C-alpha cells in the first residue's frame, strides 16, 4: 500500500511534469497550424462580404 501511495502521489505527477516540460515548444507535425480548421472557417464566414437585400433584387 505504501508503494502504491508513493507511486500515485509522487511518481505519476513527476512524470507528467517532466514530459510536459520536454514537450513544451515542440510540435508533433511539421508545419502544423496553431489554429483549427473550424476556427479558420468561422473567421472566413465572418469576413465574407454581405449584400443588402432590397426590393429590386429580392426573390
Foldseek 3Di string as FASTA:
>chain_A
DVVVVCCVPPVVVVVVVVVVVVCPPPDPDPPDDPDDPVVVVVVVVVPDDDDDDDPVPDD
